[in-house]
Amino acid sequence: MINLRLALGSLPSRPVLVIAPLLAALALSYHYYTVYRSCSEQTALRQQVMAAVTAAAEAADPHIRLSRSTPFTWSRMRVFRDPAGDRRARDCPLGWGWPASKRDRLAAAGLLTVFGFYADDSLVGFVELSGEEVLFTGTEATFGESDAVFTVTRPQARDAPFILTAAE
């Protein structure tokens, strides 16, 4: 049997010296876990949409239906052009996603498009698209789930962006 007096004697005389760093480490771990999860979800969604755009550009039918490219359900999609003042997106550290500097640079150059996905007037997800990869032509608009169909045009130059246009 463990001697209680011996066990208590092995603890530091000031438990705050052990507890405070432990609590700080737990708080930082939780914070960075939530940041990582959010950033990795954003990156995965952007990659899914870009894969669908690339596949549509190479297919006989160059259309993309965004409801098939999102892992969540939504009823309405809104296109935002150059959302410079919107700060909902995270600054993703350690290469987990776009840093704020890239987002700001794209917005300043007019090359940032955001697709916001809503269900019952609540934002359920969004994807930021770089005009260096996909250039959305058209104005800000709202689409229903069945209306969010876009035509993808393959660029003639190899390093030019795909062109995404709302299908008629």
N, C-alpha and C. Protein backbone atom coordinates (compact mmCIF):
# COMPACT_ATOMS: atom_id res chain seq x y z
N MET A 1 0.84 -1.17 0.00
CA MET A 1 0.00 0.00 0.00
C MET A 1 0.89 1.23 0.00
N ILE A 2 0.47 2.22 -0.75
CA ILE A 2 1.25 3.44 -0.86
C ILE A 2 1.06 4.26 0.41
N ASN A 3 2.16 4.73 0.92
CA ASN A 3 2.11 5.58 2.09
C ASN A 3 1.60 6.96 1.67
N LEU A 4 0.46 7.39 2.22
CA LEU A 4 -0.16 8.65 1.85
C LEU A 4 0.76 9.83 2.17
N ARG A 5 1.43 9.78 3.27
CA ARG A 5 2.33 10.87 3.66
C ARG A 5 3.49 10.98 2.67
N LEU A 6 4.01 9.86 2.23
CA LEU A 6 5.09 9.85 1.26
C LEU A 6 4.61 10.39 -0.10
N ALA A 7 3.39 10.01 -0.50
CA ALA A 7 2.83 10.48 -1.77
C ALA A 7 2.60 11.99 -1.72
N LEU A 8 2.06 12.49 -0.63
CA LEU A 8 1.84 13.94 -0.50
C LEU A 8 3.15 14.70 -0.43
N GLY A 9 4.17 14.08 0.12
CA GLY A 9 5.46 14.72 0.22
C GLY A 9 6.15 14.88 -1.13
N SER A 10 5.76 14.07 -2.12
CA SER A 10 6.38 14.17 -3.43
C SER A 10 5.77 15.27 -4.30
N LEU A 11 4.63 15.81 -3.88
CA LEU A 11 4.01 16.91 -4.62
C LEU A 11 4.78 18.20 -4.36
N PRO A 12 4.78 19.12 -5.33
CA PRO A 12 5.45 20.39 -5.10
C PRO A 12 4.76 21.16 -3.98
N SER A 13 5.52 21.97 -3.31
CA SER A 13 4.95 22.73 -2.19
C SER A 13 3.98 23.79 -2.69
N ARG A 14 4.12 24.21 -3.92
CA ARG A 14 3.20 25.18 -4.51
C ARG A 14 2.56 24.53 -5.74
N PRO A 15 1.37 23.97 -5.60
CA PRO A 15 0.74 23.26 -6.71
C PRO A 15 0.44 24.16 -7.91
N VAL A 16 0.36 25.45 -7.68
CA VAL A 16 0.09 26.36 -8.79
C VAL A 16 1.20 26.32 -9.83
N LEU A 17 2.43 25.97 -9.40
CA LEU A 17 3.54 25.87 -10.34
C LEU A 17 3.36 24.72 -11.33
N VAL A 18 2.55 23.74 -10.98
CA VAL A 18 2.27 22.61 -11.86
C VAL A 18 0.95 22.83 -12.58
N ILE A 19 -0.04 23.31 -11.86
CA ILE A 19 -1.39 23.43 -12.41
C ILE A 19 -1.48 24.54 -13.48
N ALA A 20 -0.86 25.69 -13.24
CA ALA A 20 -0.95 26.81 -14.19
C ALA A 20 -0.37 26.45 -15.57
N PRO A 21 0.84 25.90 -15.65
CA PRO A 21 1.33 25.52 -16.98
C PRO A 21 0.49 24.42 -17.64
N LEU A 22 -0.04 23.52 -16.82
CA LEU A 22 -0.88 22.46 -17.37
C LEU A 22 -2.16 23.05 -17.96
N LEU A 23 -2.79 23.97 -17.25
CA LEU A 23 -4.00 24.62 -17.77
C LEU A 23 -3.70 25.45 -19.01
N ALA A 24 -2.57 26.13 -19.04
CA ALA A 24 -2.18 26.91 -20.22
C ALA A 24 -1.97 25.99 -21.42
N ALA A 25 -1.31 24.85 -21.19
CA ALA A 25 -1.09 23.91 -22.29
C ALA A 25 -2.41 23.34 -22.80
N LEU A 26 -3.33 23.05 -21.91
CA LEU A 26 -4.64 22.55 -22.32
C LEU A 26 -5.41 23.61 -23.11
N ALA A 27 -5.39 24.86 -22.66
CA ALA A 27 -6.09 25.93 -23.37
C ALA A 27 -5.50 26.15 -24.76
N LEU A 28 -4.18 26.18 -24.86
CA LEU A 28 -3.54 26.34 -26.17
C LEU A 28 -3.83 25.15 -27.09
N SER A 29 -3.83 23.96 -26.53
CA SER A 29 -4.14 22.77 -27.34
C SER A 29 -5.55 22.85 -27.89
N TYR A 30 -6.50 23.25 -27.07
CA TYR A 30 -7.88 23.37 -27.52
C TYR A 30 -8.00 24.44 -28.60
N HIS A 31 -7.37 25.59 -28.37
CA HIS A 31 -7.43 26.69 -29.35
C HIS A 31 -6.87 26.25 -30.69
N TYR A 32 -5.69 25.66 -30.70
CA TYR A 32 -5.08 25.28 -31.96
C TYR A 32 -5.78 24.09 -32.61
N TYR A 33 -6.42 23.25 -31.82
CA TYR A 33 -7.21 22.17 -32.41
C TYR A 33 -8.40 22.75 -33.17
N THR A 34 -9.10 23.71 -32.59
CA THR A 34 -10.25 24.30 -33.28
C THR A 34 -9.81 25.08 -34.51
N VAL A 35 -8.69 25.78 -34.42
CA VAL A 35 -8.17 26.50 -35.59
C VAL A 35 -7.78 25.50 -36.68
N TYR A 36 -7.08 24.44 -36.29
CA TYR A 36 -6.68 23.43 -37.27
C TYR A 36 -7.89 22.81 -37.94
N ARG A 37 -8.90 22.44 -37.14
CA ARG A 37 -10.09 21.80 -37.70
C ARG A 37 -10.79 22.73 -38.69
N SER A 38 -10.97 23.98 -38.32
CA SER A 38 -11.63 24.95 -39.20
C SER A 38 -10.83 25.16 -40.49
N CYS A 39 -9.52 25.35 -40.34
CA CYS A 39 -8.67 25.59 -41.52
C CYS A 39 -8.60 24.37 -42.42
N SER A 40 -8.51 23.19 -41.84
CA SER A 40 -8.43 21.99 -42.67
C SER A 40 -9.76 21.72 -43.38
N GLU A 41 -10.89 22.04 -42.73
CA GLU A 41 -12.19 21.90 -43.39
C GLU A 41 -12.29 22.87 -44.56
N GLN A 42 -11.82 24.10 -44.39
CA GLN A 42 -11.84 25.09 -45.47
C GLN A 42 -10.97 24.63 -46.63
N THR A 43 -9.80 24.13 -46.32
CA THR A 43 -8.88 23.66 -47.35
C THR A 43 -9.49 22.47 -48.09
N ALA A 44 -10.10 21.54 -47.36
CA ALA A 44 -10.71 20.36 -47.99
C ALA A 44 -11.87 20.77 -48.89
N LEU A 45 -12.69 21.71 -48.45
CA LEU A 45 -13.81 22.17 -49.27
C LEU A 45 -13.31 22.86 -50.53
N ARG A 46 -12.28 23.70 -50.40
CA ARG A 46 -11.71 24.38 -51.57
C ARG A 46 -11.15 23.34 -52.56
N GLN A 47 -10.49 22.31 -52.03
CA GLN A 47 -9.95 21.26 -52.89
C GLN A 47 -11.05 20.48 -53.59
N GLN A 48 -12.17 20.21 -52.90
CA GLN A 48 -13.29 19.50 -53.51
C GLN A 48 -13.88 20.33 -54.65
N VAL A 49 -14.08 21.62 -54.42
CA VAL A 49 -14.65 22.48 -55.45
C VAL A 49 -13.68 22.59 -56.63
N MET A 50 -12.39 22.75 -56.35
CA MET A 50 -11.41 22.85 -57.43
C MET A 50 -11.33 21.55 -58.23
N ALA A 51 -11.45 20.41 -57.56
CA ALA A 51 -11.44 19.12 -58.27
C ALA A 51 -12.67 19.02 -59.18
N ALA A 52 -13.82 19.48 -58.70
CA ALA A 52 -15.03 19.46 -59.52
C ALA A 52 -14.90 20.41 -60.71
N VAL A 53 -14.29 21.58 -60.49
CA VAL A 53 -14.08 22.53 -61.59
C VAL A 53 -13.15 21.92 -62.63
N THR A 54 -12.06 21.33 -62.21
CA THR A 54 -11.11 20.71 -63.14
C THR A 54 -11.76 19.57 -63.89
N ALA A 55 -12.54 18.74 -63.20
CA ALA A 55 -13.21 17.61 -63.86
C ALA A 55 -14.23 18.12 -64.88
N ALA A 56 -14.97 19.16 -64.53
CA ALA A 56 -15.96 19.71 -65.47
C ALA A 56 -15.28 20.30 -66.69
N ALA A 57 -14.14 20.94 -66.50
CA ALA A 57 -13.43 21.54 -67.64
C ALA A 57 -12.93 20.48 -68.61
N GLU A 58 -12.66 19.29 -68.10
CA GLU A 58 -12.14 18.22 -68.94
C GLU A 58 -13.24 17.30 -69.48
N ALA A 59 -14.47 17.47 -68.97
CA ALA A 59 -15.56 16.59 -69.37
C ALA A 59 -16.25 17.10 -70.64
N ALA A 60 -17.05 16.23 -71.24
CA ALA A 60 -17.81 16.63 -72.42
C ALA A 60 -18.88 17.66 -72.04
N ASP A 61 -19.43 17.53 -70.83
CA ASP A 61 -20.41 18.50 -70.34
C ASP A 61 -19.69 19.40 -69.33
N PRO A 62 -19.36 20.62 -69.72
CA PRO A 62 -18.53 21.47 -68.84
C PRO A 62 -19.33 22.21 -67.76
N HIS A 63 -20.21 21.50 -67.07
CA HIS A 63 -21.02 22.13 -66.03
C HIS A 63 -20.67 21.53 -64.67
N ILE A 64 -20.74 22.37 -63.68
CA ILE A 64 -20.52 21.93 -62.29
C ILE A 64 -21.76 22.29 -61.49
N ARG A 65 -22.27 21.32 -60.76
CA ARG A 65 -23.40 21.53 -59.85
C ARG A 65 -22.81 21.55 -58.44
N LEU A 66 -22.84 22.71 -57.81
CA LEU A 66 -22.16 22.85 -56.52
C LEU A 66 -22.76 22.00 -55.41
N SER A 67 -24.03 21.65 -55.51
CA SER A 67 -24.62 20.81 -54.47
C SER A 67 -23.95 19.44 -54.39
N ARG A 68 -23.32 19.01 -55.48
CA ARG A 68 -22.61 17.73 -55.48
C ARG A 68 -21.17 17.86 -54.99
N SER A 69 -20.72 19.09 -54.83
CA SER A 69 -19.32 19.32 -54.44
C SER A 69 -19.17 19.75 -52.99
N THR A 70 -20.27 19.78 -52.25
CA THR A 70 -20.20 20.21 -50.85
C THR A 70 -20.62 19.05 -49.94
N PRO A 71 -19.93 18.86 -48.83
CA PRO A 71 -20.24 17.73 -47.95
C PRO A 71 -21.36 18.03 -46.94
N PHE A 72 -22.04 19.15 -47.11
CA PHE A 72 -23.12 19.52 -46.19
C PHE A 72 -24.34 19.92 -47.01
N THR A 73 -25.49 19.98 -46.36
CA THR A 73 -26.71 20.36 -47.07
C THR A 73 -26.93 21.86 -46.91
N TRP A 74 -27.45 22.46 -47.95
CA TRP A 74 -27.73 23.88 -47.95
C TRP A 74 -28.90 24.14 -48.90
N SER A 75 -29.53 25.27 -48.74
CA SER A 75 -30.69 25.59 -49.58
C SER A 75 -30.45 26.82 -50.45
N ARG A 76 -29.47 27.62 -50.08
CA ARG A 76 -29.21 28.86 -50.81
C ARG A 76 -27.72 29.13 -50.82
N MET A 77 -27.24 29.64 -51.95
CA MET A 77 -25.82 29.98 -52.07
C MET A 77 -25.73 31.43 -52.52
N ARG A 78 -24.85 32.17 -51.91
CA ARG A 78 -24.65 33.57 -52.29
C ARG A 78 -23.21 33.74 -52.76
N VAL A 79 -23.06 34.45 -53.87
CA VAL A 79 -21.74 34.75 -54.41
C VAL A 79 -21.35 36.15 -53.97
N PHE A 80 -20.21 36.26 -53.33
CA PHE A 80 -19.67 37.55 -52.90
C PHE A 80 -18.42 37.84 -53.72
N ARG A 81 -18.40 38.96 -54.36
CA ARG A 81 -17.23 39.39 -55.13
C ARG A 81 -16.43 40.38 -54.28
N ASP A 82 -15.16 40.16 -54.16
CA ASP A 82 -14.25 41.07 -53.46
C ASP A 82 -14.73 41.43 -52.05
N PRO A 83 -14.93 40.45 -51.18
CA PRO A 83 -15.40 40.72 -49.82
C PRO A 83 -14.28 41.18 -48.90
N ALA A 84 -13.72 42.33 -49.17
CA ALA A 84 -12.53 42.81 -48.44
C ALA A 84 -12.79 42.99 -46.95
N GLY A 85 -13.98 43.43 -46.57
CA GLY A 85 -14.23 43.73 -45.17
C GLY A 85 -14.67 42.54 -44.34
N ASP A 86 -14.91 41.40 -44.95
CA ASP A 86 -15.42 40.25 -44.22
C ASP A 86 -14.28 39.55 -43.48
N ARG A 87 -14.42 39.39 -42.20
CA ARG A 87 -13.37 38.78 -41.38
C ARG A 87 -13.82 37.46 -40.78
N ARG A 88 -14.78 36.77 -41.40
CA ARG A 88 -15.21 35.48 -40.87
C ARG A 88 -14.15 34.41 -41.09
N ALA A 89 -13.41 34.57 -42.15
CA ALA A 89 -12.37 33.58 -42.46
C ALA A 89 -11.23 33.71 -41.45
N ARG A 90 -10.67 32.59 -41.11
CA ARG A 90 -9.56 32.57 -40.16
C ARG A 90 -8.24 32.83 -40.86
N ASP A 91 -7.31 33.34 -40.09
CA ASP A 91 -5.93 33.39 -40.53
C ASP A 91 -5.36 32.02 -40.15
N CYS A 92 -5.09 31.20 -41.13
CA CYS A 92 -4.65 29.83 -40.86
C CYS A 92 -3.13 29.77 -40.75
N PRO A 93 -2.60 29.45 -39.57
CA PRO A 93 -1.15 29.38 -39.40
C PRO A 93 -0.60 28.05 -39.88
N LEU A 94 0.71 27.95 -39.92
CA LEU A 94 1.43 26.71 -40.16
C LEU A 94 1.05 26.02 -41.46
N GLY A 95 0.62 26.78 -42.46
CA GLY A 95 0.29 26.20 -43.74
C GLY A 95 -1.01 25.41 -43.75
N TRP A 96 -1.88 25.61 -42.75
CA TRP A 96 -3.14 24.87 -42.67
C TRP A 96 -4.17 25.42 -43.64
N GLY A 97 -3.93 26.53 -44.25
CA GLY A 97 -4.87 27.15 -45.17
C GLY A 97 -4.30 28.48 -45.62
N TRP A 98 -5.14 29.33 -46.11
CA TRP A 98 -4.68 30.64 -46.56
C TRP A 98 -4.36 31.54 -45.39
N PRO A 99 -3.22 32.20 -45.41
CA PRO A 99 -2.97 33.24 -44.40
C PRO A 99 -3.76 34.49 -44.76
N ALA A 100 -3.99 35.34 -43.78
CA ALA A 100 -4.75 36.58 -44.01
C ALA A 100 -4.08 37.44 -45.07
N SER A 101 -2.75 37.39 -45.16
CA SER A 101 -2.05 38.22 -46.15
C SER A 101 -2.42 37.81 -47.58
N LYS A 102 -2.60 36.51 -47.83
CA LYS A 102 -3.00 36.08 -49.17
C LYS A 102 -4.42 36.53 -49.47
N ARG A 103 -5.30 36.37 -48.51
CA ARG A 103 -6.69 36.79 -48.67
C ARG A 103 -6.76 38.28 -48.94
N ASP A 104 -6.00 39.07 -48.19
CA ASP A 104 -5.99 40.53 -48.37
C ASP A 104 -5.42 40.91 -49.73
N ARG A 105 -4.38 40.20 -50.17
CA ARG A 105 -3.78 40.48 -51.48
C ARG A 105 -4.76 40.18 -52.61
N LEU A 106 -5.45 39.05 -52.51
CA LEU A 106 -6.43 38.69 -53.53
C LEU A 106 -7.59 39.68 -53.55
N ALA A 107 -8.05 40.07 -52.38
CA ALA A 107 -9.16 41.02 -52.31
C ALA A 107 -8.76 42.37 -52.88
N ALA A 108 -7.56 42.82 -52.57
CA ALA A 108 -7.09 44.11 -53.08
C ALA A 108 -6.95 44.09 -54.60
N ALA A 109 -6.61 42.95 -55.16
CA ALA A 109 -6.46 42.83 -56.62
C ALA A 109 -7.79 42.50 -57.31
N GLY A 110 -8.88 42.36 -56.53
CA GLY A 110 -10.17 42.01 -57.12
C GLY A 110 -10.24 40.56 -57.57
N LEU A 111 -9.45 39.70 -56.94
CA LEU A 111 -9.36 38.30 -57.36
C LEU A 111 -9.91 37.32 -56.32
N LEU A 112 -10.76 37.81 -55.41
CA LEU A 112 -11.31 36.94 -54.38
C LEU A 112 -12.82 36.83 -54.57
N THR A 113 -13.28 35.60 -54.66
CA THR A 113 -14.71 35.32 -54.73
C THR A 113 -15.04 34.35 -53.61
N VAL A 114 -16.14 34.60 -52.92
CA VAL A 114 -16.56 33.73 -51.83
C VAL A 114 -17.96 33.21 -52.15
N PHE A 115 -18.11 31.89 -52.05
CA PHE A 115 -19.42 31.27 -52.15
C PHE A 115 -19.86 30.96 -50.72
N GLY A 116 -20.93 31.60 -50.27
CA GLY A 116 -21.48 31.33 -48.93
C GLY A 116 -22.68 30.42 -49.06
N PHE A 117 -22.74 29.37 -48.27
CA PHE A 117 -23.82 28.39 -48.33
C PHE A 117 -24.69 28.53 -47.08
N TYR A 118 -26.00 28.63 -47.28
CA TYR A 118 -26.93 28.91 -46.18
C TYR A 118 -28.02 27.85 -46.12
N ALA A 119 -28.45 27.55 -44.90
CA ALA A 119 -29.62 26.72 -44.65
C ALA A 119 -30.44 27.45 -43.59
N ASP A 120 -31.68 27.74 -43.90
CA ASP A 120 -32.54 28.47 -42.97
C ASP A 120 -31.91 29.78 -42.51
N ASP A 121 -31.36 30.52 -43.42
CA ASP A 121 -30.73 31.83 -43.17
C ASP A 121 -29.52 31.78 -42.25
N SER A 122 -28.98 30.60 -42.03
CA SER A 122 -27.75 30.46 -41.24
C SER A 122 -26.63 29.99 -42.15
N LEU A 123 -25.48 30.61 -42.01
CA LEU A 123 -24.31 30.22 -42.78
C LEU A 123 -23.85 28.84 -42.31
N VAL A 124 -23.81 27.88 -43.24
CA VAL A 124 -23.36 26.53 -42.89
C VAL A 124 -21.98 26.22 -43.45
N GLY A 125 -21.51 27.05 -44.36
CA GLY A 125 -20.18 26.85 -44.93
C GLY A 125 -19.89 27.90 -45.98
N PHE A 126 -18.63 28.05 -46.27
CA PHE A 126 -18.24 28.96 -47.35
C PHE A 126 -16.93 28.48 -47.93
N VAL A 127 -16.72 28.87 -49.18
CA VAL A 127 -15.47 28.53 -49.84
C VAL A 127 -14.94 29.79 -50.51
N GLU A 128 -13.66 30.04 -50.29
CA GLU A 128 -13.00 31.18 -50.92
C GLU A 128 -12.27 30.67 -52.15
N LEU A 129 -12.45 31.37 -53.26
CA LEU A 129 -11.80 30.98 -54.50
C LEU A 129 -10.87 32.08 -54.95
N SER A 130 -9.69 31.69 -55.33
CA SER A 130 -8.69 32.63 -55.82
C SER A 130 -8.90 32.84 -57.32
N GLY A 131 -8.95 34.10 -57.72
CA GLY A 131 -9.05 34.44 -59.13
C GLY A 131 -7.83 34.03 -59.91
N GLU A 132 -6.77 33.63 -59.23
CA GLU A 132 -5.59 33.11 -59.91
C GLU A 132 -5.81 31.67 -60.37
N GLU A 133 -6.82 30.98 -59.78
CA GLU A 133 -7.13 29.60 -60.14
C GLU A 133 -8.48 29.50 -60.84
N VAL A 134 -9.49 30.21 -60.32
CA VAL A 134 -10.84 30.20 -60.87
C VAL A 134 -11.33 31.64 -60.90
N LEU A 135 -11.68 32.10 -62.07
CA LEU A 135 -12.17 33.47 -62.23
C LEU A 135 -13.67 33.42 -62.42
N PHE A 136 -14.41 33.94 -61.45
CA PHE A 136 -15.87 33.95 -61.54
C PHE A 136 -16.30 35.17 -62.34
N THR A 137 -17.08 34.95 -63.39
CA THR A 137 -17.58 36.07 -64.17
C THR A 137 -19.04 36.28 -63.80
N GLY A 138 -19.42 37.48 -63.64
CA GLY A 138 -20.79 37.80 -63.26
C GLY A 138 -20.80 38.68 -62.03
N THR A 139 -21.98 38.99 -61.58
CA THR A 139 -22.13 39.86 -60.43
C THR A 139 -22.51 39.04 -59.21
N GLU A 140 -22.53 39.69 -58.07
CA GLU A 140 -22.98 39.02 -56.86
C GLU A 140 -24.41 38.56 -57.08
N ALA A 141 -24.70 37.35 -56.67
CA ALA A 141 -26.03 36.80 -56.90
C ALA A 141 -26.33 35.74 -55.85
N THR A 142 -27.59 35.38 -55.77
CA THR A 142 -28.04 34.31 -54.88
C THR A 142 -28.64 33.21 -55.74
N PHE A 143 -28.28 31.97 -55.41
CA PHE A 143 -28.76 30.81 -56.16
C PHE A 143 -29.40 29.82 -55.20
N GLY A 144 -30.46 29.16 -55.65
CA GLY A 144 -31.01 28.04 -54.91
C GLY A 144 -30.12 26.83 -55.16
N GLU A 145 -30.34 25.77 -54.39
CA GLU A 145 -29.50 24.58 -54.53
C GLU A 145 -29.57 24.00 -55.94
N SER A 146 -30.74 24.00 -56.53
CA SER A 146 -30.88 23.44 -57.89
C SER A 146 -30.40 24.42 -58.97
N ASP A 147 -30.30 25.71 -58.63
CA ASP A 147 -29.86 26.72 -59.60
C ASP A 147 -28.36 26.95 -59.60
N ALA A 148 -27.66 26.43 -58.63
CA ALA A 148 -26.22 26.68 -58.51
C ALA A 148 -25.45 25.78 -59.45
N VAL A 149 -25.62 26.04 -60.73
CA VAL A 149 -24.95 25.29 -61.79
C VAL A 149 -24.13 26.29 -62.58
N PHE A 150 -22.88 25.94 -62.82
CA PHE A 150 -21.96 26.86 -63.49
C PHE A 150 -21.28 26.17 -64.66
N THR A 151 -21.00 26.96 -65.68
CA THR A 151 -20.26 26.48 -66.83
C THR A 151 -18.78 26.78 -66.59
N VAL A 152 -17.96 25.79 -66.84
CA VAL A 152 -16.52 25.94 -66.66
C VAL A 152 -15.86 26.04 -68.03
N THR A 153 -15.08 27.08 -68.21
CA THR A 153 -14.34 27.25 -69.46
C THR A 153 -12.86 27.05 -69.17
N ARG A 154 -12.27 26.17 -69.95
CA ARG A 154 -10.84 25.88 -69.78
C ARG A 154 -10.04 27.03 -70.37
N PRO A 155 -9.02 27.47 -69.67
CA PRO A 155 -8.20 28.57 -70.20
C PRO A 155 -7.35 28.10 -71.39
N GLN A 156 -7.06 29.05 -72.26
CA GLN A 156 -6.21 28.70 -73.40
C GLN A 156 -4.75 28.63 -72.98
N ALA A 157 -4.35 29.56 -72.13
CA ALA A 157 -2.97 29.53 -71.61
C ALA A 157 -2.90 28.55 -70.45
N ARG A 158 -1.81 27.86 -70.33
CA ARG A 158 -1.67 26.83 -69.31
C ARG A 158 -1.77 27.37 -67.88
N ASP A 159 -1.23 28.55 -67.62
CA ASP A 159 -1.23 29.09 -66.27
C ASP A 159 -2.38 30.06 -66.01
N ALA A 160 -3.32 30.19 -66.95
CA ALA A 160 -4.48 31.08 -66.78
C ALA A 160 -5.54 30.37 -65.93
N PRO A 161 -6.38 31.14 -65.25
CA PRO A 161 -7.40 30.52 -64.39
C PRO A 161 -8.57 29.95 -65.21
N PHE A 162 -9.27 28.97 -64.62
CA PHE A 162 -10.53 28.50 -65.20
C PHE A 162 -11.52 29.66 -65.12
N ILE A 163 -12.50 29.67 -66.00
CA ILE A 163 -13.53 30.71 -65.96
C ILE A 163 -14.84 30.03 -65.57
N LEU A 164 -15.48 30.56 -64.55
CA LEU A 164 -16.72 30.01 -64.02
C LEU A 164 -17.83 31.01 -64.29
N THR A 165 -18.87 30.57 -65.00
CA THR A 165 -19.99 31.44 -65.37
C THR A 165 -21.28 30.75 -64.96
N ALA A 166 -22.23 31.51 -64.43
CA ALA A 166 -23.51 30.93 -64.07
C ALA A 166 -24.17 30.38 -65.32
N ALA A 167 -24.64 29.12 -65.25
CA ALA A 167 -25.27 28.49 -66.40
C ALA A 167 -26.65 29.11 -66.62
N GLU A 168 -27.02 29.21 -67.87
CA GLU A 168 -28.33 29.79 -68.23
C GLU A 168 -29.40 28.74 -68.14
